[in-house]
């Protein structure tokens, strides 16, 4: 999946979880908690939505990698590039 497609899907997930976020105002490098009123429950919902949307497992220890839009994009891209368990 292309990086821009991942970014677009992540922005859609963000605005679904926190409708007050204006997609054009998101600084991809800044922590979402610093930019917006994005609390721990929002972060948990975001992680679950990312996992479900992209069909990837996200361990709790990986949650910090979802802290910014860009780090989330990199995490998703890397996860999608890994061979899935049970596939050859």
PDB file of N, CA and C in Angstrom:
ATOM      1  N   UNK A   1       0.852  -1.173   0.000  1.00  0.00           N
ATOM      2  CA  UNK A   1       0.000   0.000   0.000  1.00  0.00           C
ATOM      3  C   UNK A   1       0.898   1.235   0.000  1.00  0.00           C
ATOM      4  N   UNK A   2       0.528   2.208  -0.800  1.00  0.00           N
ATOM      5  CA  UNK A   2       1.320   3.432  -0.942  1.00  0.00           C
ATOM      6  C   UNK A   2       1.271   4.264   0.343  1.00  0.00           C
ATOM      7  N   UNK A   3       2.376   4.950   0.661  1.00  0.00           N
ATOM      8  CA  UNK A   3       2.413   5.782   1.870  1.00  0.00           C
ATOM      9  C   UNK A   3       1.277   6.796   1.951  1.00  0.00           C
ATOM     10  N   UNK A   4       0.930   7.421   0.831  1.00  0.00           N
ATOM     11  CA  UNK A   4      -0.161   8.406   0.852  1.00  0.00           C
ATOM     12  C   UNK A   4      -1.502   7.755   1.166  1.00  0.00           C
ATOM     13  N   UNK A   5      -1.696   6.524   0.699  1.00  0.00           N
ATOM     14  CA  UNK A   5      -2.940   5.805   0.992  1.00  0.00           C
ATOM     15  C   UNK A   5      -3.036   5.471   2.479  1.00  0.00           C
ATOM     16  N   UNK A   6      -1.903   5.067   3.052  1.00  0.00           N
ATOM     17  CA  UNK A   6      -1.871   4.776   4.490  1.00  0.00           C
ATOM     18  C   UNK A   6      -2.181   6.051   5.267  1.00  0.00           C
ATOM     19  N   UNK A   7      -1.528   7.143   4.889  1.00  0.00           N
ATOM     20  CA  UNK A   7      -1.727   8.430   5.577  1.00  0.00           C
ATOM     21  C   UNK A   7      -3.189   8.865   5.502  1.00  0.00           C
ATOM     22  N   UNK A   8      -3.793   8.736   4.342  1.00  0.00           N
ATOM     23  CA  UNK A   8      -5.193   9.134   4.166  1.00  0.00           C
ATOM     24  C   UNK A   8      -6.113   8.303   5.057  1.00  0.00           C
ATOM     25  N   UNK A   9      -5.871   7.004   5.106  1.00  0.00           N
ATOM     26  CA  UNK A   9      -6.695   6.142   5.960  1.00  0.00           C
ATOM     27  C   UNK A   9      -6.496   6.480   7.438  1.00  0.00           C
ATOM     28  N   UNK A  10      -5.254   6.762   7.823  1.00  0.00           N
ATOM     29  CA  UNK A  10      -4.988   7.123   9.218  1.00  0.00           C
ATOM     30  C   UNK A  10      -5.688   8.432   9.583  1.00  0.00           C
ATOM     31  N   UNK A  11      -5.664   9.403   8.683  1.00  0.00           N
ATOM     32  CA  UNK A  11      -6.358  10.665   8.935  1.00  0.00           C
ATOM     33  C   UNK A  11      -7.861  10.449   9.077  1.00  0.00           C
ATOM     34  N   UNK A  12      -8.411   9.579   8.257  1.00  0.00           N
ATOM     35  CA  UNK A  12      -9.842   9.261   8.357  1.00  0.00           C
ATOM     36  C   UNK A  12     -10.146   8.643   9.716  1.00  0.00           C
ATOM     37  N   UNK A  13      -9.290   7.726  10.167  1.00  0.00           N
ATOM     38  CA  UNK A  13      -9.489   7.107  11.482  1.00  0.00           C
ATOM     39  C   UNK A  13      -9.408   8.155  12.588  1.00  0.00           C
ATOM     40  N   UNK A  14      -8.436   9.049  12.490  1.00  0.00           N
ATOM     41  CA  UNK A  14      -8.283  10.106  13.501  1.00  0.00           C
ATOM     42  C   UNK A  14      -9.527  10.965  13.604  1.00  0.00           C
ATOM     43  N   UNK A  15     -10.048  11.374  12.457  1.00  0.00           N
ATOM     44  CA  UNK A  15     -11.203  12.265  12.478  1.00  0.00           C
ATOM     45  C   UNK A  15     -12.488  11.529  12.863  1.00  0.00           C
ATOM     46  N   UNK A  16     -12.496  10.227  12.719  1.00  0.00           N
ATOM     47  CA  UNK A  16     -13.642   9.443  13.195  1.00  0.00           C
ATOM     48  C   UNK A  16     -13.615   9.371  14.720  1.00  0.00           C
ATOM     49  N   UNK A  17     -12.437   9.184  15.275  1.00  0.00           N
ATOM     50  CA  UNK A  17     -12.270   9.061  16.731  1.00  0.00           C
ATOM     51  C   UNK A  17     -12.387  10.427  17.408  1.00  0.00           C
ATOM     52  N   UNK A  18     -11.810  11.429  16.787  1.00  0.00           N
ATOM     53  CA  UNK A  18     -11.833  12.792  17.342  1.00  0.00           C
ATOM     54  C   UNK A  18     -12.320  13.739  16.250  1.00  0.00           C
ATOM     55  N   UNK A  19     -13.633  13.870  16.107  1.00  0.00           N
ATOM     56  CA  UNK A  19     -14.209  14.662  15.010  1.00  0.00           C
ATOM     57  C   UNK A  19     -13.793  16.132  14.990  1.00  0.00           C
ATOM     58  N   UNK A  20     -13.294  16.650  16.099  1.00  0.00           N
ATOM     59  CA  UNK A  20     -12.868  18.050  16.127  1.00  0.00           C
ATOM     60  C   UNK A  20     -11.509  18.265  15.452  1.00  0.00           C
ATOM     61  N   UNK A  21     -10.828  17.187  15.086  1.00  0.00           N
ATOM     62  CA  UNK A  21      -9.539  17.317  14.404  1.00  0.00           C
ATOM     63  C   UNK A  21      -9.779  17.677  12.945  1.00  0.00           C
ATOM     64  N   UNK A  22      -9.152  18.752  12.524  1.00  0.00           N
ATOM     65  CA  UNK A  22      -9.212  19.172  11.127  1.00  0.00           C
ATOM     66  C   UNK A  22      -8.011  18.531  10.420  1.00  0.00           C
ATOM     67  N   UNK A  23      -8.266  17.630   9.455  1.00  0.00           N
ATOM     68  CA  UNK A  23      -7.164  16.902   8.811  1.00  0.00           C
ATOM     69  C   UNK A  23      -6.046  17.800   8.281  1.00  0.00           C
ATOM     70  N   UNK A  24      -6.388  18.940   7.727  1.00  0.00           N
ATOM     71  CA  UNK A  24      -5.369  19.836   7.170  1.00  0.00           C
ATOM     72  C   UNK A  24      -4.470  20.439   8.248  1.00  0.00           C
ATOM     73  N   UNK A  25      -4.928  20.428   9.494  1.00  0.00           N
ATOM     74  CA  UNK A  25      -4.143  21.037  10.566  1.00  0.00           C
ATOM     75  C   UNK A  25      -3.188  20.061  11.250  1.00  0.00           C
ATOM     76  N   UNK A  26      -3.240  18.804  10.885  1.00  0.00           N
ATOM     77  CA  UNK A  26      -2.393  17.800  11.537  1.00  0.00           C
ATOM     78  C   UNK A  26      -0.954  17.964  11.088  1.00  0.00           C
ATOM     79  N   UNK A  27      -0.070  18.174  12.059  1.00  0.00           N
ATOM     80  CA  UNK A  27       1.368  18.193  11.798  1.00  0.00           C
ATOM     81  C   UNK A  27       1.813  16.735  11.908  1.00  0.00           C
ATOM     82  N   UNK A  28       2.215  16.117  10.799  1.00  0.00           N
ATOM     83  CA  UNK A  28       2.501  14.683  10.822  1.00  0.00           C
ATOM     84  C   UNK A  28       3.622  14.265  11.772  1.00  0.00           C
ATOM     85  N   UNK A  29       4.511  15.175  12.107  1.00  0.00           N
ATOM     86  CA  UNK A  29       5.637  14.828  12.961  1.00  0.00           C
ATOM     87  C   UNK A  29       5.359  15.025  14.454  1.00  0.00           C
ATOM     88  N   UNK A  30       4.329  15.795  14.791  1.00  0.00           N
ATOM     89  CA  UNK A  30       4.041  16.093  16.206  1.00  0.00           C
ATOM     90  C   UNK A  30       3.154  15.047  16.845  1.00  0.00           C
ATOM     91  N   UNK A  31       3.397  14.825  18.115  1.00  0.00           N
ATOM     92  CA  UNK A  31       2.598  13.916  18.910  1.00  0.00           C
ATOM     93  C   UNK A  31       1.144  14.386  18.908  1.00  0.00           C
ATOM     94  N   UNK A  32       0.241  13.443  18.693  1.00  0.00           N
ATOM     95  CA  UNK A  32      -1.182  13.782  18.639  1.00  0.00           C
ATOM     96  C   UNK A  32      -1.683  14.363  19.954  1.00  0.00           C
ATOM     97  N   UNK A  33      -1.150  13.883  21.070  1.00  0.00           N
ATOM     98  CA  UNK A  33      -1.557  14.409  22.376  1.00  0.00           C
ATOM     99  C   UNK A  33      -1.155  15.861  22.553  1.00  0.00           C
ATOM    100  N   UNK A  34      -0.027  16.239  21.960  1.00  0.00           N
ATOM    101  CA  UNK A  34       0.429  17.626  22.046  1.00  0.00           C
ATOM    102  C   UNK A  34      -0.405  18.547  21.154  1.00  0.00           C
ATOM    103  N   UNK A  35      -0.837  18.024  20.030  1.00  0.00           N
ATOM    104  CA  UNK A  35      -1.574  18.842  19.060  1.00  0.00           C
ATOM    105  C   UNK A  35      -3.044  19.002  19.395  1.00  0.00           C
ATOM    106  N   UNK A  36      -3.640  17.943  19.926  1.00  0.00           N
ATOM    107  CA  UNK A  36      -5.087  17.911  20.107  1.00  0.00           C
ATOM    108  C   UNK A  36      -5.430  17.385  21.498  1.00  0.00           C
ATOM    109  N   UNK A  37      -6.663  17.465  21.835  1.00  0.00           N
ATOM    110  CA  UNK A  37      -7.145  16.910  23.101  1.00  0.00           C
ATOM    111  C   UNK A  37      -7.355  15.405  22.900  1.00  0.00           C
ATOM    112  N   UNK A  38      -6.269  14.708  22.671  1.00  0.00           N
ATOM    113  CA  UNK A  38      -6.252  13.282  22.347  1.00  0.00           C
ATOM    114  C   UNK A  38      -5.795  12.546  23.591  1.00  0.00           C
ATOM    115  N   UNK A  39      -6.754  11.976  24.334  1.00  0.00           N
ATOM    116  CA  UNK A  39      -6.412  11.341  25.601  1.00  0.00           C
ATOM    117  C   UNK A  39      -6.095   9.857  25.431  1.00  0.00           C
ATOM    118  N   UNK A  40      -5.864   9.171  26.551  1.00  0.00           N
ATOM    119  CA  UNK A  40      -5.464   7.768  26.495  1.00  0.00           C
ATOM    120  C   UNK A  40      -6.550   6.878  25.889  1.00  0.00           C
ATOM    121  N   UNK A  41      -7.814   7.199  26.118  1.00  0.00           N
ATOM    122  CA  UNK A  41      -8.900   6.412  25.514  1.00  0.00           C
ATOM    123  C   UNK A  41      -8.939   6.633  24.007  1.00  0.00           C
ATOM    124  N   UNK A  42      -8.698   7.863  23.572  1.00  0.00           N
ATOM    125  CA  UNK A  42      -8.625   8.134  22.136  1.00  0.00           C
ATOM    126  C   UNK A  42      -7.479   7.330  21.518  1.00  0.00           C
ATOM    127  N   UNK A  43      -6.345   7.308  22.199  1.00  0.00           N
ATOM    128  CA  UNK A  43      -5.192   6.565  21.698  1.00  0.00           C
ATOM    129  C   UNK A  43      -5.505   5.073  21.596  1.00  0.00           C
ATOM    130  N   UNK A  44      -6.202   4.538  22.590  1.00  0.00           N
ATOM    131  CA  UNK A  44      -6.589   3.128  22.573  1.00  0.00           C
ATOM    132  C   UNK A  44      -7.555   2.845  21.422  1.00  0.00           C
ATOM    133  N   UNK A  45      -8.540   3.719  21.233  1.00  0.00           N
ATOM    134  CA  UNK A  45      -9.487   3.552  20.123  1.00  0.00           C
ATOM    135  C   UNK A  45      -8.778   3.671  18.773  1.00  0.00           C
ATOM    136  N   UNK A  46      -7.815   4.567  18.698  1.00  0.00           N
ATOM    137  CA  UNK A  46      -7.044   4.734  17.462  1.00  0.00           C
ATOM    138  C   UNK A  46      -6.260   3.469  17.163  1.00  0.00           C
ATOM    139  N   UNK A  47      -5.584   2.916  18.164  1.00  0.00           N
ATOM    140  CA  UNK A  47      -4.810   1.683  17.967  1.00  0.00           C
ATOM    141  C   UNK A  47      -5.717   0.544  17.510  1.00  0.00           C
ATOM    142  N   UNK A  48      -6.883   0.411  18.134  1.00  0.00           N
ATOM    143  CA  UNK A  48      -7.821  -0.649  17.748  1.00  0.00           C
ATOM    144  C   UNK A  48      -8.312  -0.440  16.320  1.00  0.00           C
ATOM    145  N   UNK A  49      -8.604   0.806  15.956  1.00  0.00           N
ATOM    146  CA  UNK A  49      -9.081   1.104  14.608  1.00  0.00           C
ATOM    147  C   UNK A  49      -7.997   0.844  13.565  1.00  0.00           C
ATOM    148  N   UNK A  50      -6.765   1.188  13.890  1.00  0.00           N
ATOM    149  CA  UNK A  50      -5.645   0.931  12.976  1.00  0.00           C
ATOM    150  C   UNK A  50      -5.488  -0.577  12.774  1.00  0.00           C
ATOM    151  N   UNK A  51      -5.529  -1.313  13.865  1.00  0.00           N
ATOM    152  CA  UNK A  51      -5.399  -2.764  13.800  1.00  0.00           C
ATOM    153  C   UNK A  51      -6.485  -3.376  12.923  1.00  0.00           C
ATOM    154  N   UNK A  52      -7.719  -2.959  13.139  1.00  0.00           N
ATOM    155  CA  UNK A  52      -8.849  -3.504  12.390  1.00  0.00           C
ATOM    156  C   UNK A  52      -8.816  -3.088  10.915  1.00  0.00           C
ATOM    157  N   UNK A  53      -8.542  -1.825  10.663  1.00  0.00           N
ATOM    158  CA  UNK A  53      -8.553  -1.309   9.298  1.00  0.00           C
ATOM    159  C   UNK A  53      -7.472  -1.940   8.434  1.00  0.00           C
ATOM    160  N   UNK A  54      -6.266  -2.046   8.996  1.00  0.00           N
ATOM    161  CA  UNK A  54      -5.137  -2.552   8.218  1.00  0.00           C
ATOM    162  C   UNK A  54      -4.900  -4.047   8.419  1.00  0.00           C
ATOM    163  N   UNK A  55      -5.705  -4.672   9.275  1.00  0.00           N
ATOM    164  CA  UNK A  55      -5.588  -6.112   9.546  1.00  0.00           C
ATOM    165  C   UNK A  55      -4.178  -6.482  10.023  1.00  0.00           C
ATOM    166  N   UNK A  56      -3.700  -5.685  11.009  1.00  0.00           N
ATOM    167  CA  UNK A  56      -2.378  -5.933  11.589  1.00  0.00           C
ATOM    168  C   UNK A  56      -2.519  -6.042  13.101  1.00  0.00           C
ATOM    169  N   UNK A  57      -1.667  -6.836  13.688  1.00  0.00           N
ATOM    170  CA  UNK A  57      -1.633  -6.917  15.133  1.00  0.00           C
ATOM    171  C   UNK A  57      -0.806  -5.774  15.700  1.00  0.00           C
ATOM    172  N   UNK A  58      -1.287  -5.201  16.786  1.00  0.00           N
ATOM    173  CA  UNK A  58      -0.545  -4.120  17.442  1.00  0.00           C
ATOM    174  C   UNK A  58      -0.440  -4.459  18.920  1.00  0.00           C
ATOM    175  N   UNK A  59       0.763  -4.773  19.343  1.00  0.00           N
ATOM    176  CA  UNK A  59       0.997  -5.059  20.756  1.00  0.00           C
ATOM    177  C   UNK A  59       0.955  -3.758  21.554  1.00  0.00           C
ATOM    178  N   UNK A  60       0.582  -3.863  22.799  1.00  0.00           N
ATOM    179  CA  UNK A  60       0.522  -2.668  23.645  1.00  0.00           C
ATOM    180  C   UNK A  60       1.867  -1.947  23.689  1.00  0.00           C
ATOM    181  N   UNK A  61       2.951  -2.702  23.605  1.00  0.00           N
ATOM    182  CA  UNK A  61       4.284  -2.095  23.612  1.00  0.00           C
ATOM    183  C   UNK A  61       4.557  -1.279  22.341  1.00  0.00           C
ATOM    184  N   UNK A  62       3.746  -1.490  21.306  1.00  0.00           N
ATOM    185  CA  UNK A  62       3.903  -0.735  20.057  1.00  0.00           C
ATOM    186  C   UNK A  62       3.074   0.543  20.016  1.00  0.00           C
ATOM    187  N   UNK A  63       2.208   0.758  20.988  1.00  0.00           N
ATOM    188  CA  UNK A  63       1.346   1.945  20.990  1.00  0.00           C
ATOM    189  C   UNK A  63       2.118   3.253  20.836  1.00  0.00           C
ATOM    190  N   UNK A  64       3.305   3.396  21.455  1.00  0.00           N
ATOM    191  CA  UNK A  64       4.040   4.660  21.268  1.00  0.00           C
ATOM    192  C   UNK A  64       4.386   4.948  19.807  1.00  0.00           C
ATOM    193  N   UNK A  65       4.431   3.907  18.985  1.00  0.00           N
ATOM    194  CA  UNK A  65       4.733   4.114  17.566  1.00  0.00           C
ATOM    195  C   UNK A  65       3.554   4.733  16.816  1.00  0.00           C
ATOM    196  N   UNK A  66       2.408   4.821  17.481  1.00  0.00           N
ATOM    197  CA  UNK A  66       1.232   5.442  16.885  1.00  0.00           C
ATOM    198  C   UNK A  66       1.021   6.865  17.394  1.00  0.00           C
ATOM    199  N   UNK A  67       2.026   7.423  18.051  1.00  0.00           N
ATOM    200  CA  UNK A  67       1.891   8.725  18.711  1.00  0.00           C
ATOM    201  C   UNK A  67       1.707   9.884  17.736  1.00  0.00           C
ATOM    202  N   UNK A  68       2.306   9.811  16.571  1.00  0.00           N
ATOM    203  CA  UNK A  68       2.149  10.871  15.570  1.00  0.00           C
ATOM    204  C   UNK A  68       1.661  10.246  14.271  1.00  0.00           C
ATOM    205  N   UNK A  69       1.162  11.074  13.398  1.00  0.00           N
ATOM    206  CA  UNK A  69       0.672  10.568  12.118  1.00  0.00           C
ATOM    207  C   UNK A  69       1.796   9.901  11.331  1.00  0.00           C
ATOM    208  N   UNK A  70       2.954  10.520  11.290  1.00  0.00           N
ATOM    209  CA  UNK A  70       4.076   9.972  10.521  1.00  0.00           C
ATOM    210  C   UNK A  70       4.604   8.686  11.143  1.00  0.00           C
ATOM    211  N   UNK A  71       4.740   8.647  12.460  1.00  0.00           N
ATOM    212  CA  UNK A  71       5.230   7.406  13.072  1.00  0.00           C
ATOM    213  C   UNK A  71       4.211   6.285  12.904  1.00  0.00           C
ATOM    214  N   UNK A  72       2.925   6.612  12.947  1.00  0.00           N
ATOM    215  CA  UNK A  72       1.884   5.607  12.708  1.00  0.00           C
ATOM    216  C   UNK A  72       1.952   5.110  11.269  1.00  0.00           C
ATOM    217  N   UNK A  73       2.171   6.017  10.333  1.00  0.00           N
ATOM    218  CA  UNK A  73       2.277   5.624   8.927  1.00  0.00           C
ATOM    219  C   UNK A  73       3.449   4.671   8.720  1.00  0.00           C
ATOM    220  N   UNK A  74       4.591   5.007   9.317  1.00  0.00           N
ATOM    221  CA  UNK A  74       5.773   4.135   9.199  1.00  0.00           C
ATOM    222  C   UNK A  74       5.511   2.773   9.829  1.00  0.00           C
ATOM    223  N   UNK A  75       4.865   2.768  11.001  1.00  0.00           N
ATOM    224  CA  UNK A  75       4.563   1.511  11.687  1.00  0.00           C
ATOM    225  C   UNK A  75       3.642   0.637  10.833  1.00  0.00           C
ATOM    226  N   UNK A  76       2.600   1.230  10.292  1.00  0.00           N
ATOM    227  CA  UNK A  76       1.661   0.468   9.461  1.00  0.00           C
ATOM    228  C   UNK A  76       2.372  -0.063   8.220  1.00  0.00           C
ATOM    229  N   UNK A  77       3.149   0.781   7.559  1.00  0.00           N
ATOM    230  CA  UNK A  77       3.863   0.349   6.354  1.00  0.00           C
ATOM    231  C   UNK A  77       4.797  -0.817   6.663  1.00  0.00           C
ATOM    232  N   UNK A  78       5.526  -0.725   7.771  1.00  0.00           N
ATOM    233  CA  UNK A  78       6.433  -1.814   8.155  1.00  0.00           C
ATOM    234  C   UNK A  78       5.657  -3.077   8.494  1.00  0.00           C
ATOM    235  N   UNK A  79       4.533  -2.931   9.168  1.00  0.00           N
ATOM    236  CA  UNK A  79       3.708  -4.089   9.530  1.00  0.00           C
ATOM    237  C   UNK A  79       3.135  -4.765   8.295  1.00  0.00           C
ATOM    238  N   UNK A  80       2.700  -3.971   7.336  1.00  0.00           N
ATOM    239  CA  UNK A  80       2.145  -4.531   6.103  1.00  0.00           C
ATOM    240  C   UNK A  80       3.219  -5.216   5.258  1.00  0.00           C
ATOM    241  N   UNK A  81       4.460  -4.781   5.396  1.00  0.00           N
ATOM    242  CA  UNK A  81       5.563  -5.359   4.610  1.00  0.00           C
ATOM    243  C   UNK A  81       6.045  -6.684   5.187  1.00  0.00           C
ATOM    244  N   UNK A  82       5.758  -6.924   6.474  1.00  0.00           N
ATOM    245  CA  UNK A  82       6.188  -8.181   7.101  1.00  0.00           C
ATOM    246  C   UNK A  82       5.348  -9.349   6.595  1.00  0.00           C
ATOM    247  N   UNK A  83       5.986 -10.505   6.416  1.00  0.00           N
ATOM    248  CA  UNK A  83       5.206 -11.683   6.044  1.00  0.00           C
ATOM    249  C   UNK A  83       4.252 -12.037   7.194  1.00  0.00           C
ATOM    250  N   UNK A  84       3.030 -12.368   6.858  1.00  0.00           N
ATOM    251  CA  UNK A  84       2.029 -12.731   7.869  1.00  0.00           C
ATOM    252  C   UNK A  84       2.253 -14.166   8.315  1.00  0.00           C
ATOM    253  N   UNK A  85       1.969 -14.427   9.575  1.00  0.00           N
ATOM    254  CA  UNK A  85       2.102 -15.786  10.117  1.00  0.00           C
ATOM    255  C   UNK A  85       1.197 -16.724   9.333  1.00  0.00           C
ATOM    256  N   UNK A  86       1.722 -17.856   8.980  1.00  0.00           N
ATOM    257  CA  UNK A  86       0.929 -18.854   8.270  1.00  0.00           C
ATOM    258  C   UNK A  86       0.961 -18.696   6.767  1.00  0.00           C
ATOM    259  N   UNK A  87       1.551 -17.620   6.249  1.00  0.00           N
ATOM    260  CA  UNK A  87       1.640 -17.467   4.794  1.00  0.00           C
ATOM    261  C   UNK A  87       3.027 -17.850   4.331  1.00  0.00           C
ATOM    262  N   UNK A  88       3.120 -18.258   3.098  1.00  0.00           N
ATOM    263  CA  UNK A  88       4.431 -18.658   2.569  1.00  0.00           C
ATOM    264  C   UNK A  88       4.762 -17.919   1.312  1.00  0.00           C
TER     265      UNK A  88
END
